[in-house]
Amino acid sequence: MKTKLYIAYGSNMDESQMAFRCPGAKLKGVSEIEDHRLIFKGSKTGAYATIEKEKGHKVPVVVWEIEPTDEHSLDRYEGFPTFYYKEWMELDLDGEKIQGMVYLMDQDRKLGQPSYHYYKTLEDAYERFGFDKAILEKALEDSSVEGDEDVY
């Protein structure tokens, strides 16, 4: 069975969520995507994490090795191809250059505030993996639109 590497920057950094959704997934390590920023965007169902190119910024990520059945589960969860699309990215993992698949949201989607539960899932993963929480907090701040209620 052919596996591939999957780069997670949102709720799929959560190990218990991935164990449930993608039982064949194996945690390979953590890294960063350079020259990108984390932001929350979405639709009527809510706002979720995505990344966009921005020089000088970085986004911490968790890298998973996934099986084809895991990818199908992720496709359904991520709303591929209408809500998120897939792209391949190169990054360093333990000193080695790797190619991994990442889900990205269309840049035309509107900024928005994630639910408390969704944000907390990301916050817990940042804590678990020792990521800089200022990146997550800045994403929340940058995603605020007038009229949003602050629930954090």
C-alpha atoms as a PDB file:
ATOM      1  CA  MET A   1       0.000   0.000   0.000  1.00  0.00           C
ATOM      2  CA  LYS A   2       1.476   3.353  -1.063  1.00  0.00           C
ATOM      3  CA  THR A   3       1.657   5.906   1.724  1.00  0.00           C
ATOM      4  CA  LYS A   4       2.236   9.645   1.505  1.00  0.00           C
ATOM      5  CA  LEU A   5       3.116  12.428   3.871  1.00  0.00           C
ATOM      6  CA  TYR A   6       0.357  14.769   4.999  1.00  0.00           C
ATOM      7  CA  ILE A   7       1.122  18.191   6.487  1.00  0.00           C
ATOM      8  CA  ALA A   8      -1.395  19.333   9.131  1.00  0.00           C
ATOM      9  CA  TYR A   9      -1.614  22.870  10.533  1.00  0.00           C
ATOM     10  CA  GLY A  10      -5.214  22.836  11.833  1.00  0.00           C
ATOM     11  CA  SER A  11      -7.334  20.461  13.885  1.00  0.00           C
ATOM     12  CA  ASN A  12      -5.644  17.438  12.287  1.00  0.00           C
ATOM     13  CA  MET A  13      -2.617  18.160  14.460  1.00  0.00           C
ATOM     14  CA  ASP A  14      -4.686  16.553  17.232  1.00  0.00           C
ATOM     15  CA  GLU A  15      -3.537  12.966  17.746  1.00  0.00           C
ATOM     16  CA  SER A  16      -6.812  11.578  19.089  1.00  0.00           C
ATOM     17  CA  GLN A  17      -8.794  13.143  16.251  1.00  0.00           C
ATOM     18  CA  MET A  18      -6.396  11.652  13.697  1.00  0.00           C
ATOM     19  CA  ALA A  19      -6.466   8.236  15.402  1.00  0.00           C
ATOM     20  CA  PHE A  20     -10.257   8.216  15.068  1.00  0.00           C
ATOM     21  CA  ARG A  21     -10.474   9.638  11.545  1.00  0.00           C
ATOM     22  CA  CYS A  22      -7.346   8.051  10.060  1.00  0.00           C
ATOM     23  CA  PRO A  23      -6.453   4.872  11.961  1.00  0.00           C
ATOM     24  CA  GLY A  24      -3.549   4.092   9.633  1.00  0.00           C
ATOM     25  CA  ALA A  25      -1.865   7.483  10.155  1.00  0.00           C
ATOM     26  CA  LYS A  26       1.539   7.570  11.821  1.00  0.00           C
ATOM     27  CA  LEU A  27       3.013  10.701  13.388  1.00  0.00           C
ATOM     28  CA  LYS A  28       6.333  11.410  11.630  1.00  0.00           C
ATOM     29  CA  GLY A  29       7.317  14.641  13.366  1.00  0.00           C
ATOM     30  CA  VAL A  30       6.919  18.394  13.450  1.00  0.00           C
ATOM     31  CA  SER A  31       8.200  21.138  11.195  1.00  0.00           C
ATOM     32  CA  GLU A  32       7.382  24.605   9.853  1.00  0.00           C
ATOM     33  CA  ILE A  33       6.143  25.946   6.552  1.00  0.00           C
ATOM     34  CA  GLU A  34       8.235  29.005   5.752  1.00  0.00           C
ATOM     35  CA  ASP A  35       6.888  32.200   4.173  1.00  0.00           C
ATOM     36  CA  HIS A  36       3.263  31.386   4.982  1.00  0.00           C
ATOM     37  CA  ARG A  37       0.886  32.632   7.654  1.00  0.00           C
ATOM     38  CA  LEU A  38      -1.956  30.956   9.487  1.00  0.00           C
ATOM     39  CA  ILE A  39      -5.409  32.527   9.093  1.00  0.00           C
ATOM     40  CA  PHE A  40      -9.037  31.563   9.753  1.00  0.00           C
ATOM     41  CA  LYS A  41     -11.534  31.676   6.909  1.00  0.00           C
ATOM     42  CA  GLY A  42     -14.692  29.874   6.076  1.00  0.00           C
ATOM     43  CA  SER A  43     -18.296  29.713   5.128  1.00  0.00           C
ATOM     44  CA  LYS A  44     -21.729  29.670   6.732  1.00  0.00           C
ATOM     45  CA  THR A  45     -20.781  26.551   8.725  1.00  0.00           C
ATOM     46  CA  GLY A  46     -17.862  28.267  10.448  1.00  0.00           C
ATOM     47  CA  ALA A  47     -14.288  29.450  10.096  1.00  0.00           C
ATOM     48  CA  TYR A  48     -11.354  27.061   9.926  1.00  0.00           C
ATOM     49  CA  ALA A  49      -7.580  27.238   9.597  1.00  0.00           C
ATOM     50  CA  THR A  50      -5.842  27.758   6.301  1.00  0.00           C
ATOM     51  CA  ILE A  51      -2.452  29.075   5.293  1.00  0.00           C
ATOM     52  CA  GLU A  52      -1.509  31.770   2.808  1.00  0.00           C
ATOM     53  CA  LYS A  53       1.813  32.890   1.371  1.00  0.00           C
ATOM     54  CA  GLU A  54       3.397  35.729   3.293  1.00  0.00           C
ATOM     55  CA  LYS A  55       7.131  36.410   3.312  1.00  0.00           C
ATOM     56  CA  GLY A  56       8.825  36.318   6.691  1.00  0.00           C
ATOM     57  CA  HIS A  57       6.099  34.318   8.438  1.00  0.00           C
ATOM     58  CA  LYS A  58       6.051  30.639   9.375  1.00  0.00           C
ATOM     59  CA  VAL A  59       3.419  28.108  10.349  1.00  0.00           C
ATOM     60  CA  PRO A  60       4.167  25.165  12.656  1.00  0.00           C
ATOM     61  CA  VAL A  61       2.917  21.826  11.355  1.00  0.00           C
ATOM     62  CA  VAL A  62       2.591  18.167  12.258  1.00  0.00           C
ATOM     63  CA  VAL A  63       3.609  15.664   9.578  1.00  0.00           C
ATOM     64  CA  TRP A  64       1.708  12.388   9.270  1.00  0.00           C
ATOM     65  CA  GLU A  65       2.321   9.350   7.100  1.00  0.00           C
ATOM     66  CA  ILE A  66      -1.073   8.329   5.744  1.00  0.00           C
ATOM     67  CA  GLU A  67      -2.513   5.434   3.762  1.00  0.00           C
ATOM     68  CA  PRO A  68      -4.923   5.852   0.805  1.00  0.00           C
ATOM     69  CA  THR A  69      -7.937   5.079   3.027  1.00  0.00           C
ATOM     70  CA  ASP A  70      -6.807   7.817   5.430  1.00  0.00           C
ATOM     71  CA  GLU A  71      -6.579  10.274   2.549  1.00  0.00           C
ATOM     72  CA  HIS A  72     -10.149   9.431   1.511  1.00  0.00           C
ATOM     73  CA  SER A  73     -11.318  10.118   5.083  1.00  0.00           C
ATOM     74  CA  LEU A  74      -9.435  13.412   5.111  1.00  0.00           C
ATOM     75  CA  ASP A  75     -10.911  14.380   1.734  1.00  0.00           C
ATOM     76  CA  ARG A  76     -14.409  13.939   3.148  1.00  0.00           C
ATOM     77  CA  TYR A  77     -13.589  15.779   6.379  1.00  0.00           C
ATOM     78  CA  GLU A  78     -11.903  18.686   4.574  1.00  0.00           C
ATOM     79  CA  GLY A  79     -14.651  19.067   1.980  1.00  0.00           C
ATOM     80  CA  PHE A  80     -12.252  18.345  -0.885  1.00  0.00           C
ATOM     81  CA  PRO A  81     -12.392  19.605  -3.603  1.00  0.00           C
ATOM     82  CA  THR A  82     -15.017  22.311  -2.968  1.00  0.00           C
ATOM     83  CA  PHE A  83     -13.948  23.708   0.434  1.00  0.00           C
ATOM     84  CA  TYR A  84     -10.251  22.806   0.474  1.00  0.00           C
ATOM     85  CA  TYR A  85      -7.988  21.844  -2.409  1.00  0.00           C
ATOM     86  CA  LYS A  86      -4.710  19.903  -2.200  1.00  0.00           C
ATOM     87  CA  GLU A  87      -1.197  21.038  -2.968  1.00  0.00           C
ATOM     88  CA  TRP A  88       2.262  19.536  -2.521  1.00  0.00           C
ATOM     89  CA  MET A  89       4.803  21.412  -0.408  1.00  0.00           C
ATOM     90  CA  GLU A  90       8.418  20.860   0.414  1.00  0.00           C
ATOM     91  CA  LEU A  91       9.716  21.325   3.926  1.00  0.00           C
ATOM     92  CA  ASP A  92      12.434  20.131   6.275  1.00  0.00           C
ATOM     93  CA  LEU A  93      11.695  17.230   8.588  1.00  0.00           C
ATOM     94  CA  ASP A  94      14.521  16.250  10.917  1.00  0.00           C
ATOM     95  CA  GLY A  95      17.107  17.760   8.559  1.00  0.00           C
ATOM     96  CA  GLU A  96      15.721  16.051   5.471  1.00  0.00           C
ATOM     97  CA  LYS A  97      13.737  17.711   2.643  1.00  0.00           C
ATOM     98  CA  ILE A  98      10.341  16.057   2.240  1.00  0.00           C
ATOM     99  CA  GLN A  99       7.326  16.502  -0.036  1.00  0.00           C
ATOM    100  CA  GLY A 100       3.973  16.481   1.682  1.00  0.00           C
ATOM    101  CA  MET A 101       0.354  17.006   0.785  1.00  0.00           C
ATOM    102  CA  VAL A 102      -1.453  19.932   2.383  1.00  0.00           C
ATOM    103  CA  TYR A 103      -5.069  21.106   2.209  1.00  0.00           C
ATOM    104  CA  LEU A 104      -5.558  24.799   1.387  1.00  0.00           C
ATOM    105  CA  MET A 105      -8.664  26.942   1.348  1.00  0.00           C
ATOM    106  CA  ASP A 106      -9.403  29.219  -1.600  1.00  0.00           C
ATOM    107  CA  GLN A 107      -8.033  32.699  -0.864  1.00  0.00           C
ATOM    108  CA  ASP A 108     -11.367  34.281  -1.836  1.00  0.00           C
ATOM    109  CA  ARG A 109     -13.090  32.830   1.216  1.00  0.00           C
ATOM    110  CA  LYS A 110     -14.011  35.383   3.876  1.00  0.00           C
ATOM    111  CA  LEU A 111     -12.163  35.876   7.143  1.00  0.00           C
ATOM    112  CA  GLY A 112     -13.943  34.632  10.235  1.00  0.00           C
ATOM    113  CA  GLN A 113     -13.613  33.542  13.830  1.00  0.00           C
ATOM    114  CA  PRO A 114     -13.387  29.821  14.546  1.00  0.00           C
ATOM    115  CA  SER A 115     -15.578  28.202  17.179  1.00  0.00           C
ATOM    116  CA  TYR A 116     -14.187  28.006  20.693  1.00  0.00           C
ATOM    117  CA  HIS A 117     -13.928  24.203  20.444  1.00  0.00           C
ATOM    118  CA  TYR A 118     -12.040  24.322  17.123  1.00  0.00           C
ATOM    119  CA  TYR A 119      -9.636  27.001  18.372  1.00  0.00           C
ATOM    120  CA  LYS A 120      -9.056  25.070  21.613  1.00  0.00           C
ATOM    121  CA  THR A 121      -8.161  21.943  19.598  1.00  0.00           C
ATOM    122  CA  LEU A 122      -5.455  23.943  17.815  1.00  0.00           C
ATOM    123  CA  GLU A 123      -4.318  25.608  21.033  1.00  0.00           C
ATOM    124  CA  ASP A 124      -3.952  22.201  22.730  1.00  0.00           C
ATOM    125  CA  ALA A 125      -1.893  20.899  19.791  1.00  0.00           C
ATOM    126  CA  TYR A 126       0.347  23.989  19.919  1.00  0.00           C
ATOM    127  CA  GLU A 127       0.928  23.299  23.597  1.00  0.00           C
ATOM    128  CA  ARG A 128       1.458  19.557  23.082  1.00  0.00           C
ATOM    129  CA  PHE A 129       4.094  20.062  20.369  1.00  0.00           C
ATOM    130  CA  GLY A 130       5.763  23.134  21.892  1.00  0.00           C
ATOM    131  CA  PHE A 131       4.735  25.504  19.094  1.00  0.00           C
ATOM    132  CA  ASP A 132       4.765  29.285  19.550  1.00  0.00           C
ATOM    133  CA  LYS A 133       1.200  30.176  20.583  1.00  0.00           C
ATOM    134  CA  ALA A 134       1.754  33.770  19.436  1.00  0.00           C
ATOM    135  CA  ILE A 135       1.361  32.480  15.850  1.00  0.00           C
ATOM    136  CA  LEU A 136      -2.065  31.053  16.673  1.00  0.00           C
ATOM    137  CA  GLU A 137      -3.113  34.174  18.593  1.00  0.00           C
ATOM    138  CA  LYS A 138      -2.017  36.411  15.692  1.00  0.00           C
ATOM    139  CA  ALA A 139      -4.053  34.284  13.268  1.00  0.00           C
ATOM    140  CA  LEU A 140      -7.126  34.793  15.442  1.00  0.00           C
ATOM    141  CA  GLU A 141      -6.496  38.536  15.644  1.00  0.00           C
ATOM    142  CA  ASP A 142      -5.871  38.832  11.883  1.00  0.00           C
ATOM    143  CA  SER A 143      -9.090  36.931  11.149  1.00  0.00           C
ATOM    144  CA  SER A 144     -11.341  39.245  13.145  1.00  0.00           C
ATOM    145  CA  VAL A 145     -13.981  41.126  11.252  1.00  0.00           C
ATOM    146  CA  GLU A 146     -16.152  43.908  12.602  1.00  0.00           C
ATOM    147  CA  GLY A 147     -19.116  42.522  14.473  1.00  0.00           C
ATOM    148  CA  ASP A 148     -17.430  39.254  15.495  1.00  0.00           C
ATOM    149  CA  GLU A 149     -18.063  38.263  19.067  1.00  0.00           C
ATOM    150  CA  ASP A 150     -14.892  37.535  21.048  1.00  0.00           C
ATOM    151  CA  VAL A 151     -15.346  34.130  22.704  1.00  0.00           C
ATOM    152  CA  TYR A 152     -11.701  33.517  23.613  1.00  0.00           C
END
